[in-house]
Amino acid sequence: MEHTTRIPPAEITGVKGALIKRMIERKLGKVPTAVGVYWHNPKVLFASFGLGGKLQKWDACDEGLKSFAHMAVASLVGCTWCLDFNYFEARNKGLDVEKAREIPRWRDADVFTPLERDVLDYAEAMSQTPPTVTDDLVARLREELGPAAVVELTSVIAFANMSTRGNVALGIESDGFAAACGLKPLAERPGVASAS
């Protein structure tokens, strides 16, 4: 059974639409369903693209740690789109895909370093309502990464919460990017079906 979003994707039209479609197709091979859903309000779409693009240029924190943090948020919130896309992007960016595929069950997997576990724990703690971040956890991260990297990581996790929660609320699910490039299915989060 094919999933439908809660707001059907709009047809992407106009000069800006044609440009966006061409750019995305060149990079990804196809236009994600999410772009069509958000096309109903291009100002929101472009603001999200703009912020996401700026986050990708930040370099105080390791790219792998930021990617794993985003995936931890997506796994916790249940955003199959973000899990699938970030797993796909991990491969494209030369990150450790074996670790990336284990994010949904990171507490049980033995592939993560103590620092990576702290980052994943921080991502989940920030994503709780109310947040459950502790002074000890931030102190460990600050000691390992430095203040600038912790501030950057925090902002990336906050952005991940915005995007994952928006996608889940709108019913946007995986577009199958990871499967299309032959990546193994993501590990299953205990008690939850696989995200890819």
C-alpha atoms as a PDB file:
ATOM      1  CA  MET A   1       0.000   0.000   0.000  1.00  0.00           C
ATOM      2  CA  GLU A   2       1.459   3.340  -1.037  1.00  0.00           C
ATOM      3  CA  HIS A   3       1.547   6.034   1.622  1.00  0.00           C
ATOM      4  CA  THR A   4      -0.043   9.409   0.961  1.00  0.00           C
ATOM      5  CA  THR A   5       0.935  12.588   2.738  1.00  0.00           C
ATOM      6  CA  ARG A   6      -1.577  14.503   4.853  1.00  0.00           C
ATOM      7  CA  ILE A   7      -1.339  17.406   2.412  1.00  0.00           C
ATOM      8  CA  PRO A   8      -0.984  16.185  -1.173  1.00  0.00           C
ATOM      9  CA  PRO A   9       2.166  17.424  -2.948  1.00  0.00           C
ATOM     10  CA  ALA A  10       1.588  20.455  -5.154  1.00  0.00           C
ATOM     11  CA  GLU A  11       2.786  20.603  -8.718  1.00  0.00           C
ATOM     12  CA  ILE A  12       6.109  22.459  -8.684  1.00  0.00           C
ATOM     13  CA  THR A  13       5.662  25.209 -11.265  1.00  0.00           C
ATOM     14  CA  GLY A  14       7.074  28.534 -12.413  1.00  0.00           C
ATOM     15  CA  VAL A  15      10.630  29.665 -13.033  1.00  0.00           C
ATOM     16  CA  LYS A  16      11.730  29.097  -9.426  1.00  0.00           C
ATOM     17  CA  GLY A  17      10.013  25.715  -9.439  1.00  0.00           C
ATOM     18  CA  ALA A  18      11.795  24.624 -12.607  1.00  0.00           C
ATOM     19  CA  LEU A  19      15.133  25.740 -11.174  1.00  0.00           C
ATOM     20  CA  ILE A  20      14.539  23.937  -7.870  1.00  0.00           C
ATOM     21  CA  LYS A  21      13.475  20.743  -9.643  1.00  0.00           C
ATOM     22  CA  ARG A  22      16.532  20.811 -11.906  1.00  0.00           C
ATOM     23  CA  MET A  23      18.940  21.411  -8.977  1.00  0.00           C
ATOM     24  CA  ILE A  24      17.389  18.672  -6.848  1.00  0.00           C
ATOM     25  CA  GLU A  25      17.183  16.141  -9.678  1.00  0.00           C
ATOM     26  CA  ARG A  26      20.850  16.768 -10.513  1.00  0.00           C
ATOM     27  CA  LYS A  27      21.855  16.153  -6.911  1.00  0.00           C
ATOM     28  CA  LEU A  28      19.423  13.381  -5.909  1.00  0.00           C
ATOM     29  CA  GLY A  29      18.083  11.888  -9.123  1.00  0.00           C
ATOM     30  CA  LYS A  30      14.479  12.724  -8.247  1.00  0.00           C
ATOM     31  CA  VAL A  31      12.495  15.379  -6.422  1.00  0.00           C
ATOM     32  CA  PRO A  32      11.490  14.225  -2.925  1.00  0.00           C
ATOM     33  CA  THR A  33       7.814  14.149  -2.010  1.00  0.00           C
ATOM     34  CA  ALA A  34       8.547  16.645   0.777  1.00  0.00           C
ATOM     35  CA  VAL A  35       9.422  19.353  -1.753  1.00  0.00           C
ATOM     36  CA  GLY A  36       5.984  19.046  -3.336  1.00  0.00           C
ATOM     37  CA  VAL A  37       4.251  19.203   0.041  1.00  0.00           C
ATOM     38  CA  TYR A  38       6.215  22.270   1.110  1.00  0.00           C
ATOM     39  CA  TRP A  39       5.704  23.845  -2.348  1.00  0.00           C
ATOM     40  CA  HIS A  40       2.247  24.876  -1.100  1.00  0.00           C
ATOM     41  CA  ASN A  41       4.164  27.624   0.737  1.00  0.00           C
ATOM     42  CA  PRO A  42       7.419  28.365  -1.126  1.00  0.00           C
ATOM     43  CA  LYS A  43       8.500  30.931   1.496  1.00  0.00           C
ATOM     44  CA  VAL A  44       8.595  28.166   4.109  1.00  0.00           C
ATOM     45  CA  LEU A  45      10.375  25.808   1.706  1.00  0.00           C
ATOM     46  CA  PHE A  46      13.045  28.359   0.768  1.00  0.00           C
ATOM     47  CA  ALA A  47      13.589  29.401   4.393  1.00  0.00           C
ATOM     48  CA  SER A  48      14.100  25.763   5.370  1.00  0.00           C
ATOM     49  CA  PHE A  49      16.446  25.189   2.408  1.00  0.00           C
ATOM     50  CA  GLY A  50      18.341  28.358   3.340  1.00  0.00           C
ATOM     51  CA  LEU A  51      18.822  27.388   6.972  1.00  0.00           C
ATOM     52  CA  GLY A  52      19.712  23.801   6.044  1.00  0.00           C
ATOM     53  CA  GLY A  53      22.275  25.081   3.544  1.00  0.00           C
ATOM     54  CA  LYS A  54      23.857  27.355   6.140  1.00  0.00           C
ATOM     55  CA  LEU A  55      24.078  24.491   8.642  1.00  0.00           C
ATOM     56  CA  GLN A  56      25.977  22.418   6.069  1.00  0.00           C
ATOM     57  CA  LYS A  57      28.661  25.125   5.850  1.00  0.00           C
ATOM     58  CA  TRP A  58      29.369  25.149   9.572  1.00  0.00           C
ATOM     59  CA  ASP A  59      32.607  23.387  10.461  1.00  0.00           C
ATOM     60  CA  ALA A  60      33.254  23.613  14.208  1.00  0.00           C
ATOM     61  CA  CYS A  61      31.800  20.133  14.805  1.00  0.00           C
ATOM     62  CA  ASP A  62      32.632  16.882  13.014  1.00  0.00           C
ATOM     63  CA  GLU A  63      30.278  16.153  10.086  1.00  0.00           C
ATOM     64  CA  GLY A  64      29.779  12.536  11.155  1.00  0.00           C
ATOM     65  CA  LEU A  65      28.726  13.538  14.669  1.00  0.00           C
ATOM     66  CA  LYS A  66      26.212  16.049  13.293  1.00  0.00           C
ATOM     67  CA  SER A  67      24.815  13.507  10.838  1.00  0.00           C
ATOM     68  CA  PHE A  68      24.475  10.852  13.542  1.00  0.00           C
ATOM     69  CA  ALA A  69      22.763  13.387  15.842  1.00  0.00           C
ATOM     70  CA  HIS A  70      20.222  14.272  13.130  1.00  0.00           C
ATOM     71  CA  MET A  71      19.524  10.572  12.561  1.00  0.00           C
ATOM     72  CA  ALA A  72      19.092   9.999  16.310  1.00  0.00           C
ATOM     73  CA  VAL A  73      16.460  12.740  16.410  1.00  0.00           C
ATOM     74  CA  ALA A  74      14.745  11.272  13.346  1.00  0.00           C
ATOM     75  CA  SER A  75      14.721   7.807  14.882  1.00  0.00           C
ATOM     76  CA  LEU A  76      13.301   9.067  18.168  1.00  0.00           C
ATOM     77  CA  VAL A  77      10.630  11.235  16.497  1.00  0.00           C
ATOM     78  CA  GLY A  78       9.838   8.602  13.849  1.00  0.00           C
ATOM     79  CA  CYS A  79      10.783  10.565  10.723  1.00  0.00           C
ATOM     80  CA  THR A  80      11.455   7.849   8.162  1.00  0.00           C
ATOM     81  CA  TRP A  81      12.210  10.498   5.533  1.00  0.00           C
ATOM     82  CA  CYS A  82      15.078  12.036   7.543  1.00  0.00           C
ATOM     83  CA  LEU A  83      16.456   8.626   8.526  1.00  0.00           C
ATOM     84  CA  ASP A  84      16.445   7.420   4.926  1.00  0.00           C
ATOM     85  CA  PHE A  85      17.871  10.634   3.481  1.00  0.00           C
ATOM     86  CA  ASN A  86      20.608  11.042   6.124  1.00  0.00           C
ATOM     87  CA  TYR A  87      21.635   7.396   5.707  1.00  0.00           C
ATOM     88  CA  PHE A  88      21.864   8.026   1.936  1.00  0.00           C
ATOM     89  CA  GLU A  89      23.812  11.262   2.557  1.00  0.00           C
ATOM     90  CA  ALA A  90      26.206   9.495   4.951  1.00  0.00           C
ATOM     91  CA  ARG A  91      27.218   7.271   2.043  1.00  0.00           C
ATOM     92  CA  ASN A  92      27.542  10.249  -0.317  1.00  0.00           C
ATOM     93  CA  LYS A  93      29.684  12.195   2.172  1.00  0.00           C
ATOM     94  CA  GLY A  94      31.997   9.242   2.858  1.00  0.00           C
ATOM     95  CA  LEU A  95      30.815   8.837   6.456  1.00  0.00           C
ATOM     96  CA  ASP A  96      30.698   5.497   8.254  1.00  0.00           C
ATOM     97  CA  VAL A  97      27.539   3.904   6.824  1.00  0.00           C
ATOM     98  CA  GLU A  98      27.802   0.847   9.077  1.00  0.00           C
ATOM     99  CA  LYS A  99      27.501   3.122  12.085  1.00  0.00           C
ATOM    100  CA  ALA A 100      24.807   5.206  10.392  1.00  0.00           C
ATOM    101  CA  ARG A 101      22.644   2.125   9.788  1.00  0.00           C
ATOM    102  CA  GLU A 102      22.840   1.285  13.511  1.00  0.00           C
ATOM    103  CA  ILE A 103      21.527   4.672  14.729  1.00  0.00           C
ATOM    104  CA  PRO A 104      17.972   3.429  15.368  1.00  0.00           C
ATOM    105  CA  ARG A 105      19.355   0.933  17.910  1.00  0.00           C
ATOM    106  CA  TRP A 106      22.442   2.855  19.018  1.00  0.00           C
ATOM    107  CA  ARG A 107      22.019   2.005  22.720  1.00  0.00           C
ATOM    108  CA  ASP A 108      22.321  -1.722  21.924  1.00  0.00           C
ATOM    109  CA  ALA A 109      24.915  -1.513  19.116  1.00  0.00           C
ATOM    110  CA  ASP A 110      28.594  -1.934  19.990  1.00  0.00           C
ATOM    111  CA  VAL A 111      29.989   0.121  17.078  1.00  0.00           C
ATOM    112  CA  PHE A 112      29.913   3.586  18.678  1.00  0.00           C
ATOM    113  CA  THR A 113      32.701   5.337  20.566  1.00  0.00           C
ATOM    114  CA  PRO A 114      31.995   6.934  23.968  1.00  0.00           C
ATOM    115  CA  LEU A 115      31.938  10.383  22.304  1.00  0.00           C
ATOM    116  CA  GLU A 116      29.469   9.218  19.639  1.00  0.00           C
ATOM    117  CA  ARG A 117      27.263   7.739  22.367  1.00  0.00           C
ATOM    118  CA  ASP A 118      27.308  11.070  24.219  1.00  0.00           C
ATOM    119  CA  VAL A 119      26.313  12.885  21.010  1.00  0.00           C
ATOM    120  CA  LEU A 120      23.460  10.442  20.371  1.00  0.00           C
ATOM    121  CA  ASP A 121      22.357  10.717  23.994  1.00  0.00           C
ATOM    122  CA  TYR A 122      22.467  14.527  23.740  1.00  0.00           C
ATOM    123  CA  ALA A 123      20.361  14.468  20.554  1.00  0.00           C
ATOM    124  CA  GLU A 124      17.710  12.354  22.255  1.00  0.00           C
ATOM    125  CA  ALA A 125      17.836  14.341  25.504  1.00  0.00           C
ATOM    126  CA  MET A 126      17.325  17.614  23.603  1.00  0.00           C
ATOM    127  CA  SER A 127      14.385  16.058  21.752  1.00  0.00           C
ATOM    128  CA  GLN A 128      12.395  15.043  24.822  1.00  0.00           C
ATOM    129  CA  THR A 129       9.537  17.179  26.122  1.00  0.00           C
ATOM    130  CA  PRO A 130      10.704  18.677  28.369  1.00  0.00           C
ATOM    131  CA  PRO A 131      14.377  18.269  27.412  1.00  0.00           C
ATOM    132  CA  THR A 132      16.348  15.926  29.680  1.00  0.00           C
ATOM    133  CA  VAL A 133      19.841  17.336  29.028  1.00  0.00           C
ATOM    134  CA  THR A 134      22.123  17.124  32.065  1.00  0.00           C
ATOM    135  CA  ASP A 135      25.029  19.291  33.165  1.00  0.00           C
ATOM    136  CA  ASP A 136      27.295  16.208  33.200  1.00  0.00           C
ATOM    137  CA  LEU A 137      26.484  15.324  29.578  1.00  0.00           C
ATOM    138  CA  VAL A 138      27.167  18.869  28.337  1.00  0.00           C
ATOM    139  CA  ALA A 139      30.375  19.019  30.381  1.00  0.00           C
ATOM    140  CA  ARG A 140      31.631  15.800  28.744  1.00  0.00           C
ATOM    141  CA  LEU A 141      30.765  17.110  25.280  1.00  0.00           C
ATOM    142  CA  ARG A 142      32.397  20.470  26.001  1.00  0.00           C
ATOM    143  CA  GLU A 143      35.538  18.699  27.220  1.00  0.00           C
ATOM    144  CA  GLU A 144      35.729  16.494  24.096  1.00  0.00           C
ATOM    145  CA  LEU A 145      34.562  18.947  21.435  1.00  0.00           C
ATOM    146  CA  GLY A 146      35.001  22.479  22.792  1.00  0.00           C
ATOM    147  CA  PRO A 147      32.307  25.122  23.291  1.00  0.00           C
ATOM    148  CA  ALA A 148      32.000  26.181  19.627  1.00  0.00           C
ATOM    149  CA  ALA A 149      31.340  22.616  18.492  1.00  0.00           C
ATOM    150  CA  VAL A 150      28.773  22.042  21.258  1.00  0.00           C
ATOM    151  CA  VAL A 151      26.903  25.218  20.257  1.00  0.00           C
ATOM    152  CA  GLU A 152      26.956  24.068  16.614  1.00  0.00           C
ATOM    153  CA  LEU A 153      25.843  20.541  17.504  1.00  0.00           C
ATOM    154  CA  THR A 154      23.007  21.981  19.612  1.00  0.00           C
ATOM    155  CA  SER A 155      21.805  24.103  16.697  1.00  0.00           C
ATOM    156  CA  VAL A 156      21.953  21.144  14.294  1.00  0.00           C
ATOM    157  CA  ILE A 157      19.878  19.065  16.713  1.00  0.00           C
ATOM    158  CA  ALA A 158      17.358  21.903  17.076  1.00  0.00           C
ATOM    159  CA  PHE A 159      17.069  22.099  13.256  1.00  0.00           C
ATOM    160  CA  ALA A 160      16.649  18.314  13.119  1.00  0.00           C
ATOM    161  CA  ASN A 161      13.737  18.598  15.542  1.00  0.00           C
ATOM    162  CA  MET A 162      12.105  21.258  13.378  1.00  0.00           C
ATOM    163  CA  SER A 163      12.438  19.255  10.169  1.00  0.00           C
ATOM    164  CA  THR A 164      11.635  15.799  11.572  1.00  0.00           C
ATOM    165  CA  ARG A 165       8.572  16.940  13.498  1.00  0.00           C
ATOM    166  CA  GLY A 166       7.275  18.890  10.503  1.00  0.00           C
ATOM    167  CA  ASN A 167       7.695  15.873   8.226  1.00  0.00           C
ATOM    168  CA  VAL A 168       5.956  13.527  10.662  1.00  0.00           C
ATOM    169  CA  ALA A 169       3.082  15.964  11.213  1.00  0.00           C
ATOM    170  CA  LEU A 170       2.570  16.296   7.436  1.00  0.00           C
ATOM    171  CA  GLY A 171       2.812  12.530   6.872  1.00  0.00           C
ATOM    172  CA  ILE A 172       6.000  12.747   4.792  1.00  0.00           C
ATOM    173  CA  GLU A 173       7.738   9.369   4.783  1.00  0.00           C
ATOM    174  CA  SER A 174      10.819   7.796   3.213  1.00  0.00           C
ATOM    175  CA  ASP A 175      11.342   8.262  -0.519  1.00  0.00           C
ATOM    176  CA  GLY A 176      13.639   5.210  -0.637  1.00  0.00           C
ATOM    177  CA  PHE A 177      16.926   7.008  -1.361  1.00  0.00           C
ATOM    178  CA  ALA A 178      19.011   4.537   0.685  1.00  0.00           C
ATOM    179  CA  ALA A 179      17.376   1.474  -0.865  1.00  0.00           C
ATOM    180  CA  ALA A 180      17.760   2.909  -4.374  1.00  0.00           C
ATOM    181  CA  CYS A 181      21.533   3.117  -3.954  1.00  0.00           C
ATOM    182  CA  GLY A 182      21.806  -0.392  -2.501  1.00  0.00           C
ATOM    183  CA  LEU A 183      22.365   0.397   1.175  1.00  0.00           C
ATOM    184  CA  LYS A 184      21.351  -2.314   3.643  1.00  0.00           C
ATOM    185  CA  PRO A 185      18.103  -1.574   5.484  1.00  0.00           C
ATOM    186  CA  LEU A 186      18.516   0.486   8.639  1.00  0.00           C
ATOM    187  CA  ALA A 187      18.626  -1.440  11.885  1.00  0.00           C
ATOM    188  CA  GLU A 188      15.294  -1.526  13.647  1.00  0.00           C
ATOM    189  CA  ARG A 189      14.688   0.613  16.693  1.00  0.00           C
ATOM    190  CA  PRO A 190      13.601  -1.743  19.492  1.00  0.00           C
ATOM    191  CA  GLY A 191       9.816  -1.998  19.323  1.00  0.00           C
ATOM    192  CA  VAL A 192       9.503  -0.062  16.015  1.00  0.00           C
ATOM    193  CA  ALA A 193       9.392  -1.259  12.396  1.00  0.00           C
ATOM    194  CA  SER A 194      12.363  -0.548  10.088  1.00  0.00           C
ATOM    195  CA  ALA A 195      12.614   2.941   8.586  1.00  0.00           C
ATOM    196  CA  SER A 196      13.863   2.024   5.105  1.00  0.00           C
END
